[in-house]
Amino acid sequence: MFALDGVQEGHSQVSPASSRAVFLTDLEQERAPGTNLAPGRRLEPVHLHGVADTSVHLVLPHARGEELVALGWAEAHQYEDFGTEYMVYGPRDAAEVEAVLSAVEESIAFAREA
C-alpha cells in the first residue's frame, strides 16, 4: 500500500508504535472528520497494524463499509465515531492482498473526495 501513488508511510497517530500510517502527499487536512482515523490531526485514512498482524483500519463511506462487513471482509471499528471506520482482516494469500489493496484505494479516494 505504501507503493501507491500519492501516499507516504509514517507512524500512526492513533495506533500502537508498530502500526504504519498512510498519509497523503497532496492533502494533510481532512475534508470531513469521518474520513480520518485521527480527526483533527494530519489526515490518516488508513493504517496497517504490525507486520505480524497485517489487518488494516480504514475509513469508507458507511454503505460501502457495511458491504465489506456483509461479505466477511471487515467489521466496524471498535472505537468508531462516525460510522465510517472499519477494520479489514489481514490477507492470507495473493488474491486477498489484492482485495485488501482495493479497499485501501477506496479509502484513500474517499478521504480525497469527501
PDB file of N, CA and C in Angstrom:
ATOM      1  N   MET A   1       0.810  -1.190   0.000  1.00  0.00           N
ATOM      2  CA  MET A   1       0.000   0.000   0.000  1.00  0.00           C
ATOM      3  C   MET A   1       0.855   1.256   0.000  1.00  0.00           C
ATOM      4  N   PHE A   2       2.068   1.172   0.518  1.00  0.00           N
ATOM      5  CA  PHE A   2       2.927   2.344   0.553  1.00  0.00           C
ATOM      6  C   PHE A   2       3.568   2.635  -0.798  1.00  0.00           C
ATOM      7  N   ALA A   3       3.372   1.756  -1.761  1.00  0.00           N
ATOM      8  CA  ALA A   3       3.852   1.992  -3.118  1.00  0.00           C
ATOM      9  C   ALA A   3       2.795   2.681  -3.984  1.00  0.00           C
ATOM     10  N   LEU A   4       1.596   2.870  -3.461  1.00  0.00           N
ATOM     11  CA  LEU A   4       0.547   3.553  -4.215  1.00  0.00           C
ATOM     12  C   LEU A   4       0.944   5.004  -4.471  1.00  0.00           C
ATOM     13  N   ASP A   5       0.518   5.539  -5.591  1.00  0.00           N
ATOM     14  CA  ASP A   5       0.807   6.932  -5.921  1.00  0.00           C
ATOM     15  C   ASP A   5       0.169   7.874  -4.915  1.00  0.00           C
ATOM     16  N   GLY A   6       0.911   8.887  -4.533  1.00  0.00           N
ATOM     17  CA  GLY A   6       0.363   9.942  -3.702  1.00  0.00           C
ATOM     18  C   GLY A   6       0.263   9.629  -2.228  1.00  0.00           C
ATOM     19  N   VAL A   7       0.943   8.572  -1.768  1.00  0.00           N
ATOM     20  CA  VAL A   7       0.910   8.258  -0.339  1.00  0.00           C
ATOM     21  C   VAL A   7       2.321   8.263   0.242  1.00  0.00           C
ATOM     22  N   GLN A   8       2.349   8.432   1.546  1.00  0.00           N
ATOM     23  CA  GLN A   8       3.600   8.452   2.285  1.00  0.00           C
ATOM     24  C   GLN A   8       3.425   7.622   3.545  1.00  0.00           C
ATOM     25  N   GLU A   9       4.396   6.805   3.858  1.00  0.00           N
ATOM     26  CA  GLU A   9       4.371   5.986   5.063  1.00  0.00           C
ATOM     27  C   GLU A   9       4.821   6.802   6.266  1.00  0.00           C
ATOM     28  N   GLY A  10       4.177   6.561   7.401  1.00  0.00           N
ATOM     29  CA  GLY A  10       4.576   7.237   8.629  1.00  0.00           C
ATOM     30  C   GLY A  10       4.067   6.493   9.844  1.00  0.00           C
ATOM     31  N   HIS A  11       4.331   7.046  11.008  1.00  0.00           N
ATOM     32  CA  HIS A  11       3.854   6.454  12.258  1.00  0.00           C
ATOM     33  C   HIS A  11       2.394   6.835  12.458  1.00  0.00           C
ATOM     34  N   SER A  12       1.567   5.851  12.811  1.00  0.00           N
ATOM     35  CA  SER A  12       0.169   6.142  13.095  1.00  0.00           C
ATOM     36  C   SER A  12       0.064   7.090  14.282  1.00  0.00           C
ATOM     37  N   GLN A  13      -0.897   7.987  14.208  1.00  0.00           N
ATOM     38  CA  GLN A  13      -1.129   8.940  15.283  1.00  0.00           C
ATOM     39  C   GLN A  13      -2.054   8.394  16.357  1.00  0.00           C
ATOM     40  N   VAL A  14      -2.689   7.247  16.090  1.00  0.00           N
ATOM     41  CA  VAL A  14      -3.715   6.737  16.992  1.00  0.00           C
ATOM     42  C   VAL A  14      -3.594   5.253  17.293  1.00  0.00           C
ATOM     43  N   SER A  15      -2.590   4.608  16.785  1.00  0.00           N
ATOM     44  CA  SER A  15      -2.449   3.167  16.940  1.00  0.00           C
ATOM     45  C   SER A  15      -1.060   2.875  17.520  1.00  0.00           C
ATOM     46  N   PRO A  16      -0.833   1.658  18.031  1.00  0.00           N
ATOM     47  CA  PRO A  16       0.474   1.337  18.618  1.00  0.00           C
ATOM     48  C   PRO A  16       1.644   1.624  17.674  1.00  0.00           C
ATOM     49  N   ALA A  17       2.817   1.792  18.252  1.00  0.00           N
ATOM     50  CA  ALA A  17       4.015   2.192  17.507  1.00  0.00           C
ATOM     51  C   ALA A  17       4.344   1.262  16.333  1.00  0.00           C
ATOM     52  N   SER A  18       3.947   0.021  16.397  1.00  0.00           N
ATOM     53  CA  SER A  18       4.242  -0.913  15.302  1.00  0.00           C
ATOM     54  C   SER A  18       3.323  -0.705  14.101  1.00  0.00           C
ATOM     55  N   SER A  19       2.310   0.125  14.250  1.00  0.00           N
ATOM     56  CA  SER A  19       1.372   0.390  13.153  1.00  0.00           C
ATOM     57  C   SER A  19       1.940   1.456  12.229  1.00  0.00           C
ATOM     58  N   ARG A  20       1.680   1.293  10.937  1.00  0.00           N
ATOM     59  CA  ARG A  20       2.189   2.209   9.930  1.00  0.00           C
ATOM     60  C   ARG A  20       1.039   2.945   9.269  1.00  0.00           C
ATOM     61  N   ALA A  21       1.088   4.255   9.271  1.00  0.00           N
ATOM     62  CA  ALA A  21       0.024   5.087   8.713  1.00  0.00           C
ATOM     63  C   ALA A  21       0.252   5.346   7.235  1.00  0.00           C
ATOM     64  N   VAL A  22      -0.860   5.508   6.532  1.00  0.00           N
ATOM     65  CA  VAL A  22      -0.860   6.006   5.167  1.00  0.00           C
ATOM     66  C   VAL A  22      -1.243   7.478   5.256  1.00  0.00           C
ATOM     67  N   PHE A  23      -0.324   8.347   4.864  1.00  0.00           N
ATOM     68  CA  PHE A  23      -0.590   9.774   4.755  1.00  0.00           C
ATOM     69  C   PHE A  23      -0.629  10.126   3.276  1.00  0.00           C
ATOM     70  N   LEU A  24      -1.378  11.153   2.936  1.00  0.00           N
ATOM     71  CA  LEU A  24      -1.474  11.587   1.548  1.00  0.00           C
ATOM     72  C   LEU A  24      -0.481  12.718   1.309  1.00  0.00           C
ATOM     73  N   THR A  25       0.229  12.642   0.188  1.00  0.00           N
ATOM     74  CA  THR A  25       1.237  13.670  -0.097  1.00  0.00           C
ATOM     75  C   THR A  25       0.610  14.982  -0.545  1.00  0.00           C
ATOM     76  N   ASP A  26      -0.627  14.941  -1.032  1.00  0.00           N
ATOM     77  CA  ASP A  26      -1.261  16.138  -1.573  1.00  0.00           C
ATOM     78  C   ASP A  26      -2.352  16.723  -0.672  1.00  0.00           C
ATOM     79  N   LEU A  27      -2.588  16.111   0.484  1.00  0.00           N
ATOM     80  CA  LEU A  27      -3.673  16.567   1.346  1.00  0.00           C
ATOM     81  C   LEU A  27      -3.336  16.209   2.787  1.00  0.00           C
ATOM     82  N   GLU A  28      -3.103  17.211   3.608  1.00  0.00           N
ATOM     83  CA  GLU A  28      -2.744  16.944   5.003  1.00  0.00           C
ATOM     84  C   GLU A  28      -3.918  17.079   5.960  1.00  0.00           C
ATOM     85  N   GLN A  29      -4.896  17.912   5.614  1.00  0.00           N
ATOM     86  CA  GLN A  29      -6.033  18.138   6.490  1.00  0.00           C
ATOM     87  C   GLN A  29      -7.260  17.404   5.962  1.00  0.00           C
ATOM     88  N   GLU A  30      -8.030  16.847   6.863  1.00  0.00           N
ATOM     89  CA  GLU A  30      -9.266  16.160   6.489  1.00  0.00           C
ATOM     90  C   GLU A  30     -10.264  17.152   5.905  1.00  0.00           C
ATOM     91  N   ARG A  31     -11.045  16.670   4.967  1.00  0.00           N
ATOM     92  CA  ARG A  31     -12.116  17.500   4.415  1.00  0.00           C
ATOM     93  C   ARG A  31     -13.402  17.286   5.200  1.00  0.00           C
ATOM     94  N   ALA A  32     -13.496  16.136   5.848  1.00  0.00           N
ATOM     95  CA  ALA A  32     -14.627  15.805   6.713  1.00  0.00           C
ATOM     96  C   ALA A  32     -14.098  14.873   7.799  1.00  0.00           C
ATOM     97  N   PRO A  33     -14.535  15.040   9.049  1.00  0.00           N
ATOM     98  CA  PRO A  33     -13.996  14.222  10.140  1.00  0.00           C
ATOM     99  C   PRO A  33     -14.110  12.713   9.915  1.00  0.00           C
ATOM    100  N   GLY A  34     -15.158  12.242   9.266  1.00  0.00           N
ATOM    101  CA  GLY A  34     -15.344  10.808   9.050  1.00  0.00           C
ATOM    102  C   GLY A  34     -14.396  10.197   8.050  1.00  0.00           C
ATOM    103  N   THR A  35     -13.492  11.002   7.495  1.00  0.00           N
ATOM    104  CA  THR A  35     -12.516  10.486   6.537  1.00  0.00           C
ATOM    105  C   THR A  35     -11.143  10.289   7.158  1.00  0.00           C
ATOM    106  N   ASN A  36     -11.040  10.492   8.465  1.00  0.00           N
ATOM    107  CA  ASN A  36      -9.747  10.488   9.134  1.00  0.00           C
ATOM    108  C   ASN A  36      -9.803   9.613  10.378  1.00  0.00           C
ATOM    109  N   LEU A  37      -8.864   8.687  10.500  1.00  0.00           N
ATOM    110  CA  LEU A  37      -8.784   7.867  11.713  1.00  0.00           C
ATOM    111  C   LEU A  37      -8.277   8.675  12.901  1.00  0.00           C
ATOM    112  N   ALA A  38      -7.724   9.856  12.622  1.00  0.00           N
ATOM    113  CA  ALA A  38      -7.209  10.749  13.666  1.00  0.00           C
ATOM    114  C   ALA A  38      -7.852  12.119  13.499  1.00  0.00           C
ATOM    115  N   PRO A  39      -9.159  12.234  13.708  1.00  0.00           N
ATOM    116  CA  PRO A  39      -9.844  13.509  13.466  1.00  0.00           C
ATOM    117  C   PRO A  39      -9.152  14.691  14.151  1.00  0.00           C
ATOM    118  N   GLY A  40      -9.023  15.779  13.389  1.00  0.00           N
ATOM    119  CA  GLY A  40      -8.397  16.976  13.919  1.00  0.00           C
ATOM    120  C   GLY A  40      -6.885  16.988  13.807  1.00  0.00           C
ATOM    121  N   ARG A  41      -6.300  15.876  13.376  1.00  0.00           N
ATOM    122  CA  ARG A  41      -4.847  15.809  13.195  1.00  0.00           C
ATOM    123  C   ARG A  41      -4.560  15.573  11.717  1.00  0.00           C
ATOM    124  N   ARG A  42      -3.319  15.312  11.381  1.00  0.00           N
ATOM    125  CA  ARG A  42      -2.956  15.036   9.989  1.00  0.00           C
ATOM    126  C   ARG A  42      -3.833  13.921   9.435  1.00  0.00           C
ATOM    127  N   LEU A  43      -4.253  14.081   8.192  1.00  0.00           N
ATOM    128  CA  LEU A  43      -5.145  13.112   7.567  1.00  0.00           C
ATOM    129  C   LEU A  43      -4.490  11.729   7.506  1.00  0.00           C
ATOM    130  N   GLU A  44      -5.132  10.759   8.159  1.00  0.00           N
ATOM    131  CA  GLU A  44      -4.678   9.368   8.208  1.00  0.00           C
ATOM    132  C   GLU A  44      -5.881   8.474   7.872  1.00  0.00           C
ATOM    133  N   PRO A  45      -6.159   8.241   6.588  1.00  0.00           N
ATOM    134  CA  PRO A  45      -7.329   7.444   6.234  1.00  0.00           C
ATOM    135  C   PRO A  45      -7.146   5.943   6.440  1.00  0.00           C
ATOM    136  N   VAL A  46      -5.895   5.506   6.562  1.00  0.00           N
ATOM    137  CA  VAL A  46      -5.588   4.075   6.669  1.00  0.00           C
ATOM    138  C   VAL A  46      -4.378   3.901   7.572  1.00  0.00           C
ATOM    139  N   HIS A  47      -4.400   2.853   8.385  1.00  0.00           N
ATOM    140  CA  HIS A  47      -3.148   2.401   8.985  1.00  0.00           C
ATOM    141  C   HIS A  47      -3.114   0.880   9.028  1.00  0.00           C
ATOM    142  N   LEU A  48      -1.917   0.378   8.853  1.00  0.00           N
ATOM    143  CA  LEU A  48      -1.627  -1.056   8.836  1.00  0.00           C
ATOM    144  C   LEU A  48      -1.108  -1.444  10.201  1.00  0.00           C
ATOM    145  N   HIS A  49      -1.682  -2.486  10.769  1.00  0.00           N
ATOM    146  CA  HIS A  49      -1.186  -2.966  12.055  1.00  0.00           C
ATOM    147  C   HIS A  49       0.089  -3.757  11.833  1.00  0.00           C
ATOM    148  N   GLY A  50       0.884  -3.926  12.852  1.00  0.00           N
ATOM    149  CA  GLY A  50       2.207  -4.534  12.774  1.00  0.00           C
ATOM    150  C   GLY A  50       2.364  -5.656  11.763  1.00  0.00           C
ATOM    151  N   VAL A  51       3.595  -5.919  11.390  1.00  0.00           N
ATOM    152  CA  VAL A  51       3.877  -6.890  10.331  1.00  0.00           C
ATOM    153  C   VAL A  51       3.383  -8.298  10.653  1.00  0.00           C
ATOM    154  N   ALA A  52       3.203  -8.623  11.908  1.00  0.00           N
ATOM    155  CA  ALA A  52       2.687  -9.945  12.266  1.00  0.00           C
ATOM    156  C   ALA A  52       1.172 -10.018  12.144  1.00  0.00           C
ATOM    157  N   ASP A  53       0.507  -8.870  12.157  1.00  0.00           N
ATOM    158  CA  ASP A  53      -0.956  -8.820  12.127  1.00  0.00           C
ATOM    159  C   ASP A  53      -1.472  -8.634  10.702  1.00  0.00           C
ATOM    160  N   THR A  54      -1.107  -7.568  10.068  1.00  0.00           N
ATOM    161  CA  THR A  54      -1.454  -7.171   8.690  1.00  0.00           C
ATOM    162  C   THR A  54      -2.916  -6.800   8.464  1.00  0.00           C
ATOM    163  N   SER A  55      -3.709  -6.677   9.522  1.00  0.00           N
ATOM    164  CA  SER A  55      -5.042  -6.106   9.330  1.00  0.00           C
ATOM    165  C   SER A  55      -4.877  -4.603   9.190  1.00  0.00           C
ATOM    166  N   VAL A  56      -5.903  -3.947   8.650  1.00  0.00           N
ATOM    167  CA  VAL A  56      -5.843  -2.503   8.492  1.00  0.00           C
ATOM    168  C   VAL A  56      -7.097  -1.864   9.056  1.00  0.00           C
ATOM    169  N   HIS A  57      -6.938  -0.690   9.608  1.00  0.00           N
ATOM    170  CA  HIS A  57      -8.072   0.170   9.922  1.00  0.00           C
ATOM    171  C   HIS A  57      -8.134   1.184   8.799  1.00  0.00           C
ATOM    172  N   LEU A  58      -9.342   1.465   8.344  1.00  0.00           N
ATOM    173  CA  LEU A  58      -9.512   2.442   7.278  1.00  0.00           C
ATOM    174  C   LEU A  58     -10.886   3.065   7.364  1.00  0.00           C
ATOM    175  N   VAL A  59     -11.067   4.132   6.607  1.00  0.00           N
ATOM    176  CA  VAL A  59     -12.357   4.802   6.538  1.00  0.00           C
ATOM    177  C   VAL A  59     -12.962   4.577   5.156  1.00  0.00           C
ATOM    178  N   LEU A  60     -14.268   4.368   5.146  1.00  0.00           N
ATOM    179  CA  LEU A  60     -15.025   4.169   3.915  1.00  0.00           C
ATOM    180  C   LEU A  60     -16.411   4.770   4.101  1.00  0.00           C
ATOM    181  N   PRO A  61     -17.078   5.137   3.013  1.00  0.00           N
ATOM    182  CA  PRO A  61     -18.477   5.519   3.168  1.00  0.00           C
ATOM    183  C   PRO A  61     -19.218   4.391   3.893  1.00  0.00           C
ATOM    184  N   HIS A  62     -20.131   4.756   4.768  1.00  0.00           N
ATOM    185  CA  HIS A  62     -20.793   3.754   5.612  1.00  0.00           C
ATOM    186  C   HIS A  62     -21.395   2.596   4.808  1.00  0.00           C
ATOM    187  N   ALA A  63     -22.094   2.899   3.739  1.00  0.00           N
ATOM    188  CA  ALA A  63     -22.736   1.833   2.948  1.00  0.00           C
ATOM    189  C   ALA A  63     -21.699   0.870   2.384  1.00  0.00           C
ATOM    190  N   ARG A  64     -20.582   1.394   1.907  1.00  0.00           N
ATOM    191  CA  ARG A  64     -19.533   0.524   1.351  1.00  0.00           C
ATOM    192  C   ARG A  64     -18.885  -0.306   2.450  1.00  0.00           C
ATOM    193  N   GLY A  65     -18.627   0.301   3.585  1.00  0.00           N
ATOM    194  CA  GLY A  65     -18.059  -0.446   4.706  1.00  0.00           C
ATOM    195  C   GLY A  65     -18.967  -1.585   5.136  1.00  0.00           C
ATOM    196  N   GLU A  66     -20.261  -1.325   5.173  1.00  0.00           N
ATOM    197  CA  GLU A  66     -21.210  -2.367   5.565  1.00  0.00           C
ATOM    198  C   GLU A  66     -21.272  -3.487   4.523  1.00  0.00           C
ATOM    199  N   GLU A  67     -21.026  -3.170   3.254  1.00  0.00           N
ATOM    200  CA  GLU A  67     -20.927  -4.228   2.237  1.00  0.00           C
ATOM    201  C   GLU A  67     -19.759  -5.151   2.552  1.00  0.00           C
ATOM    202  N   LEU A  68     -18.617  -4.572   2.939  1.00  0.00           N
ATOM    203  CA  LEU A  68     -17.460  -5.404   3.282  1.00  0.00           C
ATOM    204  C   LEU A  68     -17.729  -6.248   4.522  1.00  0.00           C
ATOM    205  N   VAL A  69     -18.459  -5.677   5.478  1.00  0.00           N
ATOM    206  CA  VAL A  69     -18.848  -6.446   6.669  1.00  0.00           C
ATOM    207  C   VAL A  69     -19.721  -7.631   6.249  1.00  0.00           C
ATOM    208  N   ALA A  70     -20.720  -7.388   5.412  1.00  0.00           N
ATOM    209  CA  ALA A  70     -21.626  -8.456   4.962  1.00  0.00           C
ATOM    210  C   ALA A  70     -20.880  -9.539   4.184  1.00  0.00           C
ATOM    211  N   LEU A  71     -19.817  -9.150   3.482  1.00  0.00           N
ATOM    212  CA  LEU A  71     -19.019 -10.113   2.714  1.00  0.00           C
ATOM    213  C   LEU A  71     -18.022 -10.874   3.590  1.00  0.00           C
ATOM    214  N   GLY A  72     -17.912 -10.481   4.864  1.00  0.00           N
ATOM    215  CA  GLY A  72     -16.995 -11.161   5.772  1.00  0.00           C
ATOM    216  C   GLY A  72     -15.565 -10.653   5.710  1.00  0.00           C
ATOM    217  N   TRP A  73     -15.348  -9.491   5.097  1.00  0.00           N
ATOM    218  CA  TRP A  73     -14.010  -8.929   4.945  1.00  0.00           C
ATOM    219  C   TRP A  73     -13.648  -7.954   6.057  1.00  0.00           C
ATOM    220  N   ALA A  74     -14.645  -7.449   6.762  1.00  0.00           N
ATOM    221  CA  ALA A  74     -14.384  -6.353   7.691  1.00  0.00           C
ATOM    222  C   ALA A  74     -15.356  -6.396   8.858  1.00  0.00           C
ATOM    223  N   GLU A  75     -15.068  -5.546   9.832  1.00  0.00           N
ATOM    224  CA  GLU A  75     -16.003  -5.293  10.924  1.00  0.00           C
ATOM    225  C   GLU A  75     -15.897  -3.819  11.291  1.00  0.00           C
ATOM    226  N   ALA A  76     -16.953  -3.310  11.883  1.00  0.00           N
ATOM    227  CA  ALA A  76     -16.924  -1.915  12.318  1.00  0.00           C
ATOM    228  C   ALA A  76     -15.811  -1.741  13.346  1.00  0.00           C
ATOM    229  N   HIS A  77     -15.097  -0.637  13.266  1.00  0.00           N
ATOM    230  CA  HIS A  77     -14.019  -0.319  14.201  1.00  0.00           C
ATOM    231  C   HIS A  77     -14.607  -0.234  15.598  1.00  0.00           C
ATOM    232  N   GLN A  78     -13.935  -0.811  16.568  1.00  0.00           N
ATOM    233  CA  GLN A  78     -14.473  -0.836  17.936  1.00  0.00           C
ATOM    234  C   GLN A  78     -14.576   0.555  18.557  1.00  0.00           C
ATOM    235  N   TYR A  79     -13.834   1.513  18.047  1.00  0.00           N
ATOM    236  CA  TYR A  79     -13.889   2.881  18.572  1.00  0.00           C
ATOM    237  C   TYR A  79     -14.426   3.862  17.532  1.00  0.00           C
ATOM    238  N   GLU A  80     -15.358   3.409  16.714  1.00  0.00           N
ATOM    239  CA  GLU A  80     -15.868   4.287  15.656  1.00  0.00           C
ATOM    240  C   GLU A  80     -16.581   5.498  16.239  1.00  0.00           C
ATOM    241  N   ASP A  81     -16.390   6.621  15.569  1.00  0.00           N
ATOM    242  CA  ASP A  81     -17.051   7.865  15.947  1.00  0.00           C
ATOM    243  C   ASP A  81     -18.052   8.316  14.902  1.00  0.00           C
ATOM    244  N   PHE A  82     -17.827   7.934  13.640  1.00  0.00           N
ATOM    245  CA  PHE A  82     -18.619   8.480  12.544  1.00  0.00           C
ATOM    246  C   PHE A  82     -19.342   7.414  11.711  1.00  0.00           C
ATOM    247  N   GLY A  83     -19.161   6.142  12.045  1.00  0.00           N
ATOM    248  CA  GLY A  83     -19.777   5.076  11.257  1.00  0.00           C
ATOM    249  C   GLY A  83     -19.062   4.836   9.945  1.00  0.00           C
ATOM    250  N   THR A  84     -17.857   5.373   9.814  1.00  0.00           N
ATOM    251  CA  THR A  84     -17.066   5.215   8.589  1.00  0.00           C
ATOM    252  C   THR A  84     -15.768   4.456   8.830  1.00  0.00           C
ATOM    253  N   GLU A  85     -15.519   4.069  10.067  1.00  0.00           N
ATOM    254  CA  GLU A  85     -14.255   3.441  10.444  1.00  0.00           C
ATOM    255  C   GLU A  85     -14.415   1.922  10.503  1.00  0.00           C
ATOM    256  N   TYR A  86     -13.547   1.219   9.779  1.00  0.00           N
ATOM    257  CA  TYR A  86     -13.639  -0.244   9.686  1.00  0.00           C
ATOM    258  C   TYR A  86     -12.282  -0.890   9.875  1.00  0.00           C
ATOM    259  N   MET A  87     -12.310  -2.124  10.365  1.00  0.00           N
ATOM    260  CA  MET A  87     -11.125  -2.955  10.435  1.00  0.00           C
ATOM    261  C   MET A  87     -11.278  -4.018   9.356  1.00  0.00           C
ATOM    262  N   VAL A  88     -10.308  -4.079   8.462  1.00  0.00           N
ATOM    263  CA  VAL A  88     -10.301  -5.071   7.384  1.00  0.00           C
ATOM    264  C   VAL A  88      -9.293  -6.136   7.766  1.00  0.00           C
ATOM    265  N   TYR A  89      -9.725  -7.384   7.701  1.00  0.00           N
ATOM    266  CA  TYR A  89      -8.885  -8.503   8.118  1.00  0.00           C
ATOM    267  C   TYR A  89      -7.640  -8.632   7.250  1.00  0.00           C
ATOM    268  N   GLY A  90      -6.565  -9.130   7.857  1.00  0.00           N
ATOM    269  CA  GLY A  90      -5.310  -9.331   7.139  1.00  0.00           C
ATOM    270  C   GLY A  90      -5.465 -10.388   6.061  1.00  0.00           C
ATOM    271  N   PRO A  91      -4.852 -10.172   4.912  1.00  0.00           N
ATOM    272  CA  PRO A  91      -4.942 -11.133   3.806  1.00  0.00           C
ATOM    273  C   PRO A  91      -4.137 -12.400   4.097  1.00  0.00           C
ATOM    274  N   ARG A  92      -4.606 -13.519   3.509  1.00  0.00           N
ATOM    275  CA  ARG A  92      -3.940 -14.804   3.699  1.00  0.00           C
ATOM    276  C   ARG A  92      -3.221 -15.297   2.456  1.00  0.00           C
ATOM    277  N   ASP A  93      -3.508 -14.700   1.320  1.00  0.00           N
ATOM    278  CA  ASP A  93      -2.855 -15.119   0.080  1.00  0.00           C
ATOM    279  C   ASP A  93      -2.828 -13.934  -0.892  1.00  0.00           C
ATOM    280  N   ALA A  94      -2.230 -14.134  -2.054  1.00  0.00           N
ATOM    281  CA  ALA A  94      -2.052 -13.042  -3.015  1.00  0.00           C
ATOM    282  C   ALA A  94      -3.379 -12.450  -3.481  1.00  0.00           C
ATOM    283  N   ALA A  95      -4.384 -13.284  -3.679  1.00  0.00           N
ATOM    284  CA  ALA A  95      -5.691 -12.776  -4.116  1.00  0.00           C
ATOM    285  C   ALA A  95      -6.299 -11.883  -3.045  1.00  0.00           C
ATOM    286  N   GLU A  96      -6.161 -12.261  -1.800  1.00  0.00           N
ATOM    287  CA  GLU A  96      -6.689 -11.447  -0.711  1.00  0.00           C
ATOM    288  C   GLU A  96      -5.891 -10.158  -0.537  1.00  0.00           C
ATOM    289  N   VAL A  97      -4.594 -10.193  -0.831  1.00  0.00           N
ATOM    290  CA  VAL A  97      -3.806  -8.957  -0.795  1.00  0.00           C
ATOM    291  C   VAL A  97      -4.400  -7.960  -1.779  1.00  0.00           C
ATOM    292  N   GLU A  98      -4.748  -8.428  -2.973  1.00  0.00           N
ATOM    293  CA  GLU A  98      -5.343  -7.545  -3.980  1.00  0.00           C
ATOM    294  C   GLU A  98      -6.681  -6.981  -3.503  1.00  0.00           C
ATOM    295  N   ALA A  99      -7.484  -7.797  -2.840  1.00  0.00           N
ATOM    296  CA  ALA A  99      -8.780  -7.333  -2.333  1.00  0.00           C
ATOM    297  C   ALA A  99      -8.588  -6.267  -1.250  1.00  0.00           C
ATOM    298  N   VAL A 100      -7.647  -6.480  -0.352  1.00  0.00           N
ATOM    299  CA  VAL A 100      -7.386  -5.508   0.708  1.00  0.00           C
ATOM    300  C   VAL A 100      -6.837  -4.212   0.105  1.00  0.00           C
ATOM    301  N   LEU A 101      -5.936  -4.331  -0.860  1.00  0.00           N
ATOM    302  CA  LEU A 101      -5.403  -3.131  -1.516  1.00  0.00           C
ATOM    303  C   LEU A 101      -6.508  -2.340  -2.211  1.00  0.00           C
ATOM    304  N   SER A 102      -7.473  -3.044  -2.757  1.00  0.00           N
ATOM    305  CA  SER A 102      -8.601  -2.372  -3.389  1.00  0.00           C
ATOM    306  C   SER A 102      -9.382  -1.557  -2.350  1.00  0.00           C
ATOM    307  N   ALA A 103      -9.599  -2.123  -1.176  1.00  0.00           N
ATOM    308  CA  ALA A 103     -10.297  -1.400  -0.106  1.00  0.00           C
ATOM    309  C   ALA A 103      -9.475  -0.201   0.352  1.00  0.00           C
ATOM    310  N   VAL A 104      -8.162  -0.352   0.411  1.00  0.00           N
ATOM    311  CA  VAL A 104      -7.281   0.757   0.789  1.00  0.00           C
ATOM    312  C   VAL A 104      -7.389   1.880  -0.243  1.00  0.00           C
ATOM    313  N   GLU A 105      -7.384   1.531  -1.511  1.00  0.00           N
ATOM    314  CA  GLU A 105      -7.518   2.541  -2.569  1.00  0.00           C
ATOM    315  C   GLU A 105      -8.864   3.257  -2.472  1.00  0.00           C
ATOM    316  N   GLU A 106      -9.922   2.517  -2.149  1.00  0.00           N
ATOM    317  CA  GLU A 106     -11.239   3.139  -1.965  1.00  0.00           C
ATOM    318  C   GLU A 106     -11.210   4.124  -0.791  1.00  0.00           C
ATOM    319  N   SER A 107     -10.524   3.745   0.276  1.00  0.00           N
ATOM    320  CA  SER A 107     -10.430   4.602   1.453  1.00  0.00           C
ATOM    321  C   SER A 107      -9.691   5.897   1.118  1.00  0.00           C
ATOM    322  N   ILE A 108      -8.595   5.786   0.412  1.00  0.00           N
ATOM    323  CA  ILE A 108      -7.819   6.959   0.023  1.00  0.00           C
ATOM    324  C   ILE A 108      -8.656   7.878  -0.858  1.00  0.00           C
ATOM    325  N   ALA A 109      -9.373   7.298  -1.812  1.00  0.00           N
ATOM    326  CA  ALA A 109     -10.243   8.097  -2.695  1.00  0.00           C
ATOM    327  C   ALA A 109     -11.333   8.786  -1.879  1.00  0.00           C
ATOM    328  N   PHE A 110     -11.918   8.082  -0.919  1.00  0.00           N
ATOM    329  CA  PHE A 110     -12.963   8.661  -0.056  1.00  0.00           C
ATOM    330  C   PHE A 110     -12.405   9.853   0.720  1.00  0.00           C
ATOM    331  N   ALA A 111     -11.200   9.722   1.251  1.00  0.00           N
ATOM    332  CA  ALA A 111     -10.586  10.819   2.004  1.00  0.00           C
ATOM    333  C   ALA A 111     -10.315  12.027   1.121  1.00  0.00           C
ATOM    334  N   ARG A 112      -9.955  11.790  -0.109  1.00  0.00           N
ATOM    335  CA  ARG A 112      -9.648  12.892  -1.036  1.00  0.00           C
ATOM    336  C   ARG A 112     -10.909  13.581  -1.539  1.00  0.00           C
ATOM    337  N   GLU A 113     -11.984  12.829  -1.719  1.00  0.00           N
ATOM    338  CA  GLU A 113     -13.183  13.357  -2.371  1.00  0.00           C
ATOM    339  C   GLU A 113     -14.220  13.920  -1.416  1.00  0.00           C
ATOM    340  N   ALA A 114     -14.137  13.565  -0.157  1.00  0.00           N
ATOM    341  CA  ALA A 114     -15.182  13.974   0.792  1.00  0.00           C
ATOM    342  C   ALA A 114     -15.289  15.474   0.916  1.00  0.00           C
TER     343      ALA A 114
END
